[in-house]
Amino acid sequence: MPENGNCEAVYLSDNELEVLRTRQFRYAEIVKRTAISNNIEFFSAYEATKSHDACAAMPFMAGAMSIDGASWEVPNFHTTQEGMTAIANGLENYLRQGTNAN
């Protein structure tokens, strides 16, 4: 989700997007804190794809979409091939250097 603003690709109202964005960041923080408190390494796919959200000039996230013409009550967002490559490269960098840099 874009950190700020909205666009056609997201297909949500500003209010819906804010609710989703808040939940997304809360969930990510819970996962990170849980990993750290259990001495488990944590890699952030969000950090690896930051600034490439569905509204970006070069998005790594496809906007709201359905698969095979399915009808969804809630929009589904899927990582693009470029996004998956960025996550894989970020994870490789993390494993080699222990950093979460892009």
PDB file of N, CA and C in Angstrom:
ATOM      1  N   MET A   1       0.823  -1.174   0.000  1.00  0.00           N
ATOM      2  CA  MET A   1       0.000   0.000   0.000  1.00  0.00           C
ATOM      3  C   MET A   1       0.875   1.248   0.000  1.00  0.00           C
ATOM      4  N   PRO A   2       0.434   2.279  -0.691  1.00  0.00           N
ATOM      5  CA  PRO A   2       1.215   3.517  -0.652  1.00  0.00           C
ATOM      6  C   PRO A   2       1.253   4.084   0.765  1.00  0.00           C
ATOM      7  N   GLU A   3       2.400   4.632   1.139  1.00  0.00           N
ATOM      8  CA  GLU A   3       2.522   5.222   2.474  1.00  0.00           C
ATOM      9  C   GLU A   3       1.623   6.440   2.615  1.00  0.00           C
ATOM     10  N   ASN A   4       1.463   7.173   1.530  1.00  0.00           N
ATOM     11  CA  ASN A   4       0.636   8.378   1.528  1.00  0.00           C
ATOM     12  C   ASN A   4      -0.176   8.410   0.246  1.00  0.00           C
ATOM     13  N   GLY A   5      -1.332   9.018   0.309  1.00  0.00           N
ATOM     14  CA  GLY A   5      -2.123   9.215  -0.892  1.00  0.00           C
ATOM     15  C   GLY A   5      -2.836   7.960  -1.355  1.00  0.00           C
ATOM     16  N   ASN A   6      -3.437   8.081  -2.518  1.00  0.00           N
ATOM     17  CA  ASN A   6      -4.245   7.021  -3.088  1.00  0.00           C
ATOM     18  C   ASN A   6      -4.152   7.132  -4.604  1.00  0.00           C
ATOM     19  N   CYS A   7      -4.589   6.114  -5.313  1.00  0.00           N
ATOM     20  CA  CYS A   7      -4.607   6.159  -6.773  1.00  0.00           C
ATOM     21  C   CYS A   7      -5.612   5.144  -7.296  1.00  0.00           C
ATOM     22  N   GLU A   8      -5.870   5.195  -8.592  1.00  0.00           N
ATOM     23  CA  GLU A   8      -6.828   4.296  -9.224  1.00  0.00           C
ATOM     24  C   GLU A   8      -6.463   2.829  -9.063  1.00  0.00           C
ATOM     25  N   ALA A   9      -5.187   2.504  -9.086  1.00  0.00           N
ATOM     26  CA  ALA A   9      -4.755   1.105  -9.011  1.00  0.00           C
ATOM     27  C   ALA A   9      -5.154   0.447  -7.697  1.00  0.00           C
ATOM     28  N   VAL A  10      -5.282   1.236  -6.644  1.00  0.00           N
ATOM     29  CA  VAL A  10      -5.609   0.683  -5.327  1.00  0.00           C
ATOM     30  C   VAL A  10      -7.080   0.307  -5.235  1.00  0.00           C
ATOM     31  N   TYR A  11      -7.936   1.077  -5.872  1.00  0.00           N
ATOM     32  CA  TYR A  11      -9.348   0.734  -5.968  1.00  0.00           C
ATOM     33  C   TYR A  11     -10.077   0.765  -4.628  1.00  0.00           C
ATOM     34  N   LEU A  12      -9.573   1.521  -3.673  1.00  0.00           N
ATOM     35  CA  LEU A  12     -10.202   1.670  -2.364  1.00  0.00           C
ATOM     36  C   LEU A  12     -10.452   3.148  -2.101  1.00  0.00           C
ATOM     37  N   SER A  13     -11.443   3.427  -1.271  1.00  0.00           N
ATOM     38  CA  SER A  13     -11.658   4.814  -0.866  1.00  0.00           C
ATOM     39  C   SER A  13     -10.501   5.227   0.041  1.00  0.00           C
ATOM     40  N   ASP A  14     -10.336   6.511   0.243  1.00  0.00           N
ATOM     41  CA  ASP A  14      -9.271   6.988   1.128  1.00  0.00           C
ATOM     42  C   ASP A  14      -9.417   6.396   2.522  1.00  0.00           C
ATOM     43  N   ASN A  15     -10.647   6.320   3.021  1.00  0.00           N
ATOM     44  CA  ASN A  15     -10.893   5.765   4.351  1.00  0.00           C
ATOM     45  C   ASN A  15     -10.549   4.272   4.404  1.00  0.00           C
ATOM     46  N   GLU A  16     -10.990   3.508   3.395  1.00  0.00           N
ATOM     47  CA  GLU A  16     -10.681   2.073   3.353  1.00  0.00           C
ATOM     48  C   GLU A  16      -9.175   1.850   3.279  1.00  0.00           C
ATOM     49  N   LEU A  17      -8.508   2.666   2.479  1.00  0.00           N
ATOM     50  CA  LEU A  17      -7.062   2.537   2.346  1.00  0.00           C
ATOM     51  C   LEU A  17      -6.366   2.834   3.667  1.00  0.00           C
ATOM     52  N   GLU A  18      -6.815   3.843   4.381  1.00  0.00           N
ATOM     53  CA  GLU A  18      -6.202   4.185   5.665  1.00  0.00           C
ATOM     54  C   GLU A  18      -6.381   3.052   6.675  1.00  0.00           C
ATOM     55  N   VAL A  19      -7.550   2.437   6.695  1.00  0.00           N
ATOM     56  CA  VAL A  19      -7.793   1.297   7.590  1.00  0.00           C
ATOM     57  C   VAL A  19      -6.863   0.145   7.222  1.00  0.00           C
ATOM     58  N   LEU A  20      -6.766  -0.166   5.932  1.00  0.00           N
ATOM     59  CA  LEU A  20      -5.899  -1.254   5.485  1.00  0.00           C
ATOM     60  C   LEU A  20      -4.436  -0.949   5.778  1.00  0.00           C
ATOM     61  N   ARG A  21      -4.016   0.264   5.508  1.00  0.00           N
ATOM     62  CA  ARG A  21      -2.636   0.682   5.755  1.00  0.00           C
ATOM     63  C   ARG A  21      -2.296   0.542   7.246  1.00  0.00           C
ATOM     64  N   THR A  22      -3.196   0.987   8.110  1.00  0.00           N
ATOM     65  CA  THR A  22      -2.980   0.887   9.556  1.00  0.00           C
ATOM     66  C   THR A  22      -2.845  -0.567   9.982  1.00  0.00           C
ATOM     67  N   ARG A  23      -3.713  -1.427   9.463  1.00  0.00           N
ATOM     68  CA  ARG A  23      -3.644  -2.860   9.794  1.00  0.00           C
ATOM     69  C   ARG A  23      -2.354  -3.483   9.274  1.00  0.00           C
ATOM     70  N   GLN A  24      -1.975  -3.103   8.070  1.00  0.00           N
ATOM     71  CA  GLN A  24      -0.758  -3.651   7.468  1.00  0.00           C
ATOM     72  C   GLN A  24       0.459  -3.329   8.331  1.00  0.00           C
ATOM     73  N   PHE A  25       0.608  -2.071   8.724  1.00  0.00           N
ATOM     74  CA  PHE A  25       1.765  -1.683   9.534  1.00  0.00           C
ATOM     75  C   PHE A  25       1.705  -2.299  10.927  1.00  0.00           C
ATOM     76  N   ARG A  26       0.509  -2.402  11.489  1.00  0.00           N
ATOM     77  CA  ARG A  26       0.361  -3.020  12.816  1.00  0.00           C
ATOM     78  C   ARG A  26       0.749  -4.495  12.759  1.00  0.00           C
ATOM     79  N   TYR A  27       0.257  -5.203  11.748  1.00  0.00           N
ATOM     80  CA  TYR A  27       0.588  -6.617  11.581  1.00  0.00           C
ATOM     81  C   TYR A  27       2.092  -6.801  11.400  1.00  0.00           C
ATOM     82  N   ALA A  28       2.704  -6.000  10.555  1.00  0.00           N
ATOM     83  CA  ALA A  28       4.148  -6.104  10.318  1.00  0.00           C
ATOM     84  C   ALA A  28       4.930  -5.863  11.603  1.00  0.00           C
ATOM     85  N   GLU A  29       4.498  -4.901  12.395  1.00  0.00           N
ATOM     86  CA  GLU A  29       5.186  -4.608  13.656  1.00  0.00           C
ATOM     87  C   GLU A  29       5.041  -5.761  14.643  1.00  0.00           C
ATOM     88  N   ILE A  30       3.866  -6.380  14.694  1.00  0.00           N
ATOM     89  CA  ILE A  30       3.656  -7.535  15.579  1.00  0.00           C
ATOM     90  C   ILE A  30       4.561  -8.689  15.169  1.00  0.00           C
ATOM     91  N   VAL A  31       4.636  -8.972  13.878  1.00  0.00           N
ATOM     92  CA  VAL A  31       5.488 -10.059  13.387  1.00  0.00           C
ATOM     93  C   VAL A  31       6.950  -9.770  13.720  1.00  0.00           C
ATOM     94  N   LYS A  32       7.378  -8.539  13.480  1.00  0.00           N
ATOM     95  CA  LYS A  32       8.771  -8.163  13.757  1.00  0.00           C
ATOM     96  C   LYS A  32       9.088  -8.283  15.247  1.00  0.00           C
ATOM     97  N   ARG A  33       8.233  -7.727  16.101  1.00  0.00           N
ATOM     98  CA  ARG A  33       8.464  -7.800  17.554  1.00  0.00           C
ATOM     99  C   ARG A  33       8.486  -9.241  18.047  1.00  0.00           C
ATOM    100  N   THR A  34       7.584 -10.060  17.518  1.00  0.00           N
ATOM    101  CA  THR A  34       7.525 -11.466  17.919  1.00  0.00           C
ATOM    102  C   THR A  34       8.799 -12.189  17.515  1.00  0.00           C
ATOM    103  N   ALA A  35       9.269 -11.935  16.310  1.00  0.00           N
ATOM    104  CA  ALA A  35      10.519 -12.559  15.857  1.00  0.00           C
ATOM    105  C   ALA A  35      11.674 -12.144  16.752  1.00  0.00           C
ATOM    106  N   ILE A  36      11.807 -10.861  16.991  1.00  0.00           N
ATOM    107  CA  ILE A  36      12.917 -10.353  17.799  1.00  0.00           C
ATOM    108  C   ILE A  36      12.854 -10.898  19.218  1.00  0.00           C
ATOM    109  N   SER A  37      11.663 -10.930  19.805  1.00  0.00           N
ATOM    110  CA  SER A  37      11.545 -11.411  21.189  1.00  0.00           C
ATOM    111  C   SER A  37      11.832 -12.899  21.312  1.00  0.00           C
ATOM    112  N   ASN A  38      11.798 -13.613  20.198  1.00  0.00           N
ATOM    113  CA  ASN A  38      12.106 -15.045  20.196  1.00  0.00           C
ATOM    114  C   ASN A  38      13.460 -15.340  19.561  1.00  0.00           C
ATOM    115  N   ASN A  39      14.283 -14.300  19.435  1.00  0.00           N
ATOM    116  CA  ASN A  39      15.627 -14.429  18.857  1.00  0.00           C
ATOM    117  C   ASN A  39      15.608 -15.048  17.463  1.00  0.00           C
ATOM    118  N   ILE A  40      14.635 -14.633  16.676  1.00  0.00           N
ATOM    119  CA  ILE A  40      14.514 -15.106  15.300  1.00  0.00           C
ATOM    120  C   ILE A  40      14.834 -13.936  14.379  1.00  0.00           C
ATOM    121  N   GLU A  41      15.662 -14.180  13.387  1.00  0.00           N
ATOM    122  CA  GLU A  41      15.995 -13.121  12.439  1.00  0.00           C
ATOM    123  C   GLU A  41      14.740 -12.691  11.688  1.00  0.00           C
ATOM    124  N   PHE A  42      14.688 -11.425  11.335  1.00  0.00           N
ATOM    125  CA  PHE A  42      13.528 -10.869  10.651  1.00  0.00           C
ATOM    126  C   PHE A  42      13.974 -10.152   9.389  1.00  0.00           C
ATOM    127  N   PHE A  43      13.379 -10.516   8.273  1.00  0.00           N
ATOM    128  CA  PHE A  43      13.617  -9.842   6.999  1.00  0.00           C
ATOM    129  C   PHE A  43      12.327  -9.156   6.588  1.00  0.00           C
ATOM    130  N   SER A  44      12.411  -7.894   6.229  1.00  0.00           N
ATOM    131  CA  SER A  44      11.230  -7.130   5.839  1.00  0.00           C
ATOM    132  C   SER A  44      11.098  -7.044   4.319  1.00  0.00           C
ATOM    133  N   ALA A  45      10.117  -7.754   3.780  1.00  0.00           N
ATOM    134  CA  ALA A  45       9.833  -7.645   2.347  1.00  0.00           C
ATOM    135  C   ALA A  45       9.350  -6.232   2.025  1.00  0.00           C
ATOM    136  N   TYR A  46       8.704  -5.589   2.986  1.00  0.00           N
ATOM    137  CA  TYR A  46       8.248  -4.208   2.804  1.00  0.00           C
ATOM    138  C   TYR A  46       9.434  -3.292   2.524  1.00  0.00           C
ATOM    139  N   GLU A  47      10.486  -3.430   3.321  1.00  0.00           N
ATOM    140  CA  GLU A  47      11.669  -2.584   3.119  1.00  0.00           C
ATOM    141  C   GLU A  47      12.312  -2.864   1.764  1.00  0.00           C
ATOM    142  N   ALA A  48      12.259  -4.109   1.316  1.00  0.00           N
ATOM    143  CA  ALA A  48      12.866  -4.476   0.030  1.00  0.00           C
ATOM    144  C   ALA A  48      12.096  -3.906  -1.159  1.00  0.00           C
ATOM    145  N   THR A  49      10.823  -3.575  -0.948  1.00  0.00           N
ATOM    146  CA  THR A  49      10.000  -3.068  -2.053  1.00  0.00           C
ATOM    147  C   THR A  49       9.486  -1.653  -1.795  1.00  0.00           C
ATOM    148  N   LYS A  50       9.986  -1.024  -0.756  1.00  0.00           N
ATOM    149  CA  LYS A  50       9.525   0.311  -0.362  1.00  0.00           C
ATOM    150  C   LYS A  50       9.621   1.289  -1.534  1.00  0.00           C
ATOM    151  N   SER A  51       8.654   2.136  -1.655  1.00  0.00           N
ATOM    152  CA  SER A  51       8.507   3.161  -2.694  1.00  0.00           C
ATOM    153  C   SER A  51       8.159   2.577  -4.064  1.00  0.00           C
ATOM    154  N   HIS A  52       7.791   1.301  -4.095  1.00  0.00           N
ATOM    155  CA  HIS A  52       7.342   0.678  -5.342  1.00  0.00           C
ATOM    156  C   HIS A  52       5.940   0.099  -5.163  1.00  0.00           C
ATOM    157  N   ASP A  53       5.082   0.823  -4.422  1.00  0.00           N
ATOM    158  CA  ASP A  53       3.715   0.369  -4.173  1.00  0.00           C
ATOM    159  C   ASP A  53       2.880   0.464  -5.448  1.00  0.00           C
ATOM    160  N   ALA A  54       1.618   0.087  -5.368  1.00  0.00           N
ATOM    161  CA  ALA A  54       0.740   0.052  -6.542  1.00  0.00           C
ATOM    162  C   ALA A  54       0.587   1.405  -7.221  1.00  0.00           C
ATOM    163  N   CYS A  55       0.820   2.502  -6.487  1.00  0.00           N
ATOM    164  CA  CYS A  55       0.674   3.849  -7.053  1.00  0.00           C
ATOM    165  C   CYS A  55       1.986   4.415  -7.607  1.00  0.00           C
ATOM    166  N   ALA A  56       3.078   3.718  -7.436  1.00  0.00           N
ATOM    167  CA  ALA A  56       4.393   4.214  -7.845  1.00  0.00           C
ATOM    168  C   ALA A  56       4.543   4.203  -9.366  1.00  0.00           C
ATOM    169  N   ALA A  57       5.483   5.002  -9.852  1.00  0.00           N
ATOM    170  CA  ALA A  57       5.775   5.020 -11.288  1.00  0.00           C
ATOM    171  C   ALA A  57       6.246   3.647 -11.752  1.00  0.00           C
ATOM    172  N   MET A  58       7.001   2.940 -10.896  1.00  0.00           N
ATOM    173  CA  MET A  58       7.444   1.580 -11.185  1.00  0.00           C
ATOM    174  C   MET A  58       6.937   0.674 -10.052  1.00  0.00           C
ATOM    175  N   PRO A  59       5.666   0.250 -10.133  1.00  0.00           N
ATOM    176  CA  PRO A  59       5.093  -0.532  -9.042  1.00  0.00           C
ATOM    177  C   PRO A  59       5.609  -1.974  -9.005  1.00  0.00           C
ATOM    178  N   PHE A  60       5.842  -2.461  -7.798  1.00  0.00           N
ATOM    179  CA  PHE A  60       6.182  -3.868  -7.586  1.00  0.00           C
ATOM    180  C   PHE A  60       4.959  -4.620  -7.073  1.00  0.00           C
ATOM    181  N   MET A  61       3.851  -3.906  -6.976  1.00  0.00           N
ATOM    182  CA  MET A  61       2.600  -4.480  -6.491  1.00  0.00           C
ATOM    183  C   MET A  61       1.525  -4.175  -7.512  1.00  0.00           C
ATOM    184  N   ALA A  62       0.883  -5.228  -8.017  1.00  0.00           N
ATOM    185  CA  ALA A  62      -0.241  -5.009  -8.920  1.00  0.00           C
ATOM    186  C   ALA A  62      -1.390  -4.462  -8.096  1.00  0.00           C
ATOM    187  N   GLY A  63      -2.145  -3.568  -8.660  1.00  0.00           N
ATOM    188  CA  GLY A  63      -3.273  -2.995  -7.942  1.00  0.00           C
ATOM    189  C   GLY A  63      -4.376  -4.017  -7.744  1.00  0.00           C
ATOM    190  N   ALA A  64      -5.511  -3.552  -7.293  1.00  0.00           N
ATOM    191  CA  ALA A  64      -6.645  -4.432  -7.044  1.00  0.00           C
ATOM    192  C   ALA A  64      -6.959  -5.216  -8.311  1.00  0.00           C
ATOM    193  N   MET A  65      -7.132  -6.503  -8.163  1.00  0.00           N
ATOM    194  CA  MET A  65      -7.377  -7.344  -9.326  1.00  0.00           C
ATOM    195  C   MET A  65      -8.120  -8.600  -8.919  1.00  0.00           C
ATOM    196  N   SER A  66      -8.689  -9.266  -9.892  1.00  0.00           N
ATOM    197  CA  SER A  66      -9.276 -10.573  -9.636  1.00  0.00           C
ATOM    198  C   SER A  66      -8.510 -11.590 -10.460  1.00  0.00           C
ATOM    199  N   ILE A  67      -8.584 -12.823 -10.054  1.00  0.00           N
ATOM    200  CA  ILE A  67      -7.875 -13.888 -10.756  1.00  0.00           C
ATOM    201  C   ILE A  67      -8.896 -14.710 -11.531  1.00  0.00           C
ATOM    202  N   ASP A  68      -8.647 -14.930 -12.794  1.00  0.00           N
ATOM    203  CA  ASP A  68      -9.532 -15.709 -13.656  1.00  0.00           C
ATOM    204  C   ASP A  68     -10.972 -15.203 -13.631  1.00  0.00           C
ATOM    205  N   GLY A  69     -11.129 -13.876 -13.572  1.00  0.00           N
ATOM    206  CA  GLY A  69     -12.455 -13.284 -13.610  1.00  0.00           C
ATOM    207  C   GLY A  69     -13.271 -13.474 -12.346  1.00  0.00           C
ATOM    208  N   ALA A  70     -12.638 -13.945 -11.277  1.00  0.00           N
ATOM    209  CA  ALA A  70     -13.362 -14.166 -10.021  1.00  0.00           C
ATOM    210  C   ALA A  70     -13.845 -12.840  -9.456  1.00  0.00           C
ATOM    211  N   SER A  71     -14.938 -12.889  -8.769  1.00  0.00           N
ATOM    212  CA  SER A  71     -15.473 -11.693  -8.125  1.00  0.00           C
ATOM    213  C   SER A  71     -15.069 -11.709  -6.657  1.00  0.00           C
ATOM    214  N   TRP A  72     -14.448 -10.628  -6.211  1.00  0.00           N
ATOM    215  CA  TRP A  72     -13.980 -10.545  -4.831  1.00  0.00           C
ATOM    216  C   TRP A  72     -14.697  -9.405  -4.133  1.00  0.00           C
ATOM    217  N   GLU A  73     -15.104  -9.617  -2.898  1.00  0.00           N
ATOM    218  CA  GLU A  73     -15.691  -8.531  -2.121  1.00  0.00           C
ATOM    219  C   GLU A  73     -14.608  -7.560  -1.673  1.00  0.00           C
ATOM    220  N   VAL A  74     -13.413  -8.073  -1.459  1.00  0.00           N
ATOM    221  CA  VAL A  74     -12.281  -7.260  -1.023  1.00  0.00           C
ATOM    222  C   VAL A  74     -11.216  -7.347  -2.103  1.00  0.00           C
ATOM    223  N   PRO A  75     -10.672  -6.220  -2.544  1.00  0.00           N
ATOM    224  CA  PRO A  75      -9.631  -6.266  -3.576  1.00  0.00           C
ATOM    225  C   PRO A  75      -8.429  -7.090  -3.128  1.00  0.00           C
ATOM    226  N   ASN A  76      -7.823  -7.761  -4.062  1.00  0.00           N
ATOM    227  CA  ASN A  76      -6.628  -8.555  -3.799  1.00  0.00           C
ATOM    228  C   ASN A  76      -5.445  -7.863  -4.446  1.00  0.00           C
ATOM    229  N   PHE A  77      -4.341  -7.841  -3.754  1.00  0.00           N
ATOM    230  CA  PHE A  77      -3.138  -7.209  -4.267  1.00  0.00           C
ATOM    231  C   PHE A  77      -2.061  -8.272  -4.373  1.00  0.00           C
ATOM    232  N   HIS A  78      -1.345  -8.276  -5.475  1.00  0.00           N
ATOM    233  CA  HIS A  78      -0.347  -9.306  -5.713  1.00  0.00           C
ATOM    234  C   HIS A  78       0.973  -8.682  -6.136  1.00  0.00           C
ATOM    235  N   THR A  79       2.048  -9.238  -5.641  1.00  0.00           N
ATOM    236  CA  THR A  79       3.382  -8.774  -5.995  1.00  0.00           C
ATOM    237  C   THR A  79       3.664  -9.117  -7.453  1.00  0.00           C
ATOM    238  N   THR A  80       4.225  -8.177  -8.185  1.00  0.00           N
ATOM    239  CA  THR A  80       4.602  -8.414  -9.579  1.00  0.00           C
ATOM    240  C   THR A  80       5.904  -9.219  -9.628  1.00  0.00           C
ATOM    241  N   GLN A  81       6.278  -9.645 -10.817  1.00  0.00           N
ATOM    242  CA  GLN A  81       7.547 -10.365 -10.979  1.00  0.00           C
ATOM    243  C   GLN A  81       8.713  -9.500 -10.517  1.00  0.00           C
ATOM    244  N   GLU A  82       8.664  -8.213 -10.850  1.00  0.00           N
ATOM    245  CA  GLU A  82       9.727  -7.302 -10.423  1.00  0.00           C
ATOM    246  C   GLU A  82       9.779  -7.204  -8.899  1.00  0.00           C
ATOM    247  N   GLY A  83       8.607  -7.210  -8.268  1.00  0.00           N
ATOM    248  CA  GLY A  83       8.548  -7.172  -6.811  1.00  0.00           C
ATOM    249  C   GLY A  83       9.117  -8.427  -6.186  1.00  0.00           C
ATOM    250  N   MET A  84       8.786  -9.575  -6.752  1.00  0.00           N
ATOM    251  CA  MET A  84       9.330 -10.835  -6.235  1.00  0.00           C
ATOM    252  C   MET A  84      10.849 -10.871  -6.398  1.00  0.00           C
ATOM    253  N   THR A  85      11.339 -10.338  -7.513  1.00  0.00           N
ATOM    254  CA  THR A  85      12.788 -10.269  -7.728  1.00  0.00           C
ATOM    255  C   THR A  85      13.439  -9.351  -6.702  1.00  0.00           C
ATOM    256  N   ALA A  86      12.811  -8.210  -6.424  1.00  0.00           N
ATOM    257  CA  ALA A  86      13.352  -7.280  -5.422  1.00  0.00           C
ATOM    258  C   ALA A  86      13.379  -7.927  -4.039  1.00  0.00           C
ATOM    259  N   ILE A  87      12.333  -8.671  -3.698  1.00  0.00           N
ATOM    260  CA  ILE A  87      12.294  -9.363  -2.406  1.00  0.00           C
ATOM    261  C   ILE A  87      13.379 -10.426  -2.348  1.00  0.00           C
ATOM    262  N   ALA A  88      13.528 -11.203  -3.419  1.00  0.00           N
ATOM    263  CA  ALA A  88      14.566 -12.240  -3.454  1.00  0.00           C
ATOM    264  C   ALA A  88      15.957 -11.623  -3.335  1.00  0.00           C
ATOM    265  N   ASN A  89      16.192 -10.529  -4.062  1.00  0.00           N
ATOM    266  CA  ASN A  89      17.495  -9.855  -3.976  1.00  0.00           C
ATOM    267  C   ASN A  89      17.726  -9.275  -2.587  1.00  0.00           C
ATOM    268  N   GLY A  90      16.677  -8.697  -2.000  1.00  0.00           N
ATOM    269  CA  GLY A  90      16.790  -8.161  -0.651  1.00  0.00           C
ATOM    270  C   GLY A  90      17.080  -9.246   0.365  1.00  0.00           C
ATOM    271  N   LEU A  91      16.417 -10.388   0.222  1.00  0.00           N
ATOM    272  CA  LEU A  91      16.654 -11.508   1.132  1.00  0.00           C
ATOM    273  C   LEU A  91      18.070 -12.048   0.963  1.00  0.00           C
ATOM    274  N   GLU A  92      18.519 -12.151  -0.283  1.00  0.00           N
ATOM    275  CA  GLU A  92      19.893 -12.599  -0.523  1.00  0.00           C
ATOM    276  C   GLU A  92      20.886 -11.647   0.148  1.00  0.00           C
ATOM    277  N   ASN A  93      20.672 -10.355  -0.009  1.00  0.00           N
ATOM    278  CA  ASN A  93      21.543  -9.357   0.616  1.00  0.00           C
ATOM    279  C   ASN A  93      21.507  -9.492   2.134  1.00  0.00           C
ATOM    280  N   TYR A  94      20.321  -9.678   2.673  1.00  0.00           N
ATOM    281  CA  TYR A  94      20.174  -9.840   4.123  1.00  0.00           C
ATOM    282  C   TYR A  94      20.953 -11.063   4.611  1.00  0.00           C
ATOM    283  N   LEU A  95      20.815 -12.168   3.908  1.00  0.00           N
ATOM    284  CA  LEU A  95      21.495 -13.398   4.318  1.00  0.00           C
ATOM    285  C   LEU A  95      23.009 -13.284   4.183  1.00  0.00           C
ATOM    286  N   ARG A  96      23.469 -12.573   3.165  1.00  0.00           N
ATOM    287  CA  ARG A  96      24.911 -12.409   2.963  1.00  0.00           C
ATOM    288  C   ARG A  96      25.520 -11.382   3.914  1.00  0.00           C
ATOM    289  N   GLN A  97      24.798 -10.281   4.139  1.00  0.00           N
ATOM    290  CA  GLN A  97      25.380  -9.166   4.883  1.00  0.00           C
ATOM    291  C   GLN A  97      24.676  -8.855   6.193  1.00  0.00           C
ATOM    292  N   GLY A  98      23.521  -9.451   6.414  1.00  0.00           N
ATOM    293  CA  GLY A  98      22.785  -9.176   7.637  1.00  0.00           C
ATOM    294  C   GLY A  98      22.147  -7.806   7.657  1.00  0.00           C
ATOM    295  N   THR A  99      21.907  -7.235   6.456  1.00  0.00           N
ATOM    296  CA  THR A  99      21.247  -5.932   6.390  1.00  0.00           C
ATOM    297  C   THR A  99      19.970  -6.061   5.582  1.00  0.00           C
ATOM    298  N   ASN A 100      19.039  -5.182   5.853  1.00  0.00           N
ATOM    299  CA  ASN A 100      17.757  -5.192   5.161  1.00  0.00           C
ATOM    300  C   ASN A 100      17.692  -4.099   4.107  1.00  0.00           C
ATOM    301  N   ALA A 101      18.844  -3.718   3.567  1.00  0.00           N
ATOM    302  CA  ALA A 101      18.894  -2.663   2.548  1.00  0.00           C
ATOM    303  C   ALA A 101      18.472  -3.222   1.201  1.00  0.00           C
ATOM    304  N   ASN A 102      17.959  -2.335   0.337  1.00  0.00           N
ATOM    305  CA  ASN A 102      17.539  -2.739  -1.011  1.00  0.00           C
ATOM    306  C   ASN A 102      18.740  -3.012  -1.875  1.00  0.00           C
TER     307      ASN A 102
END
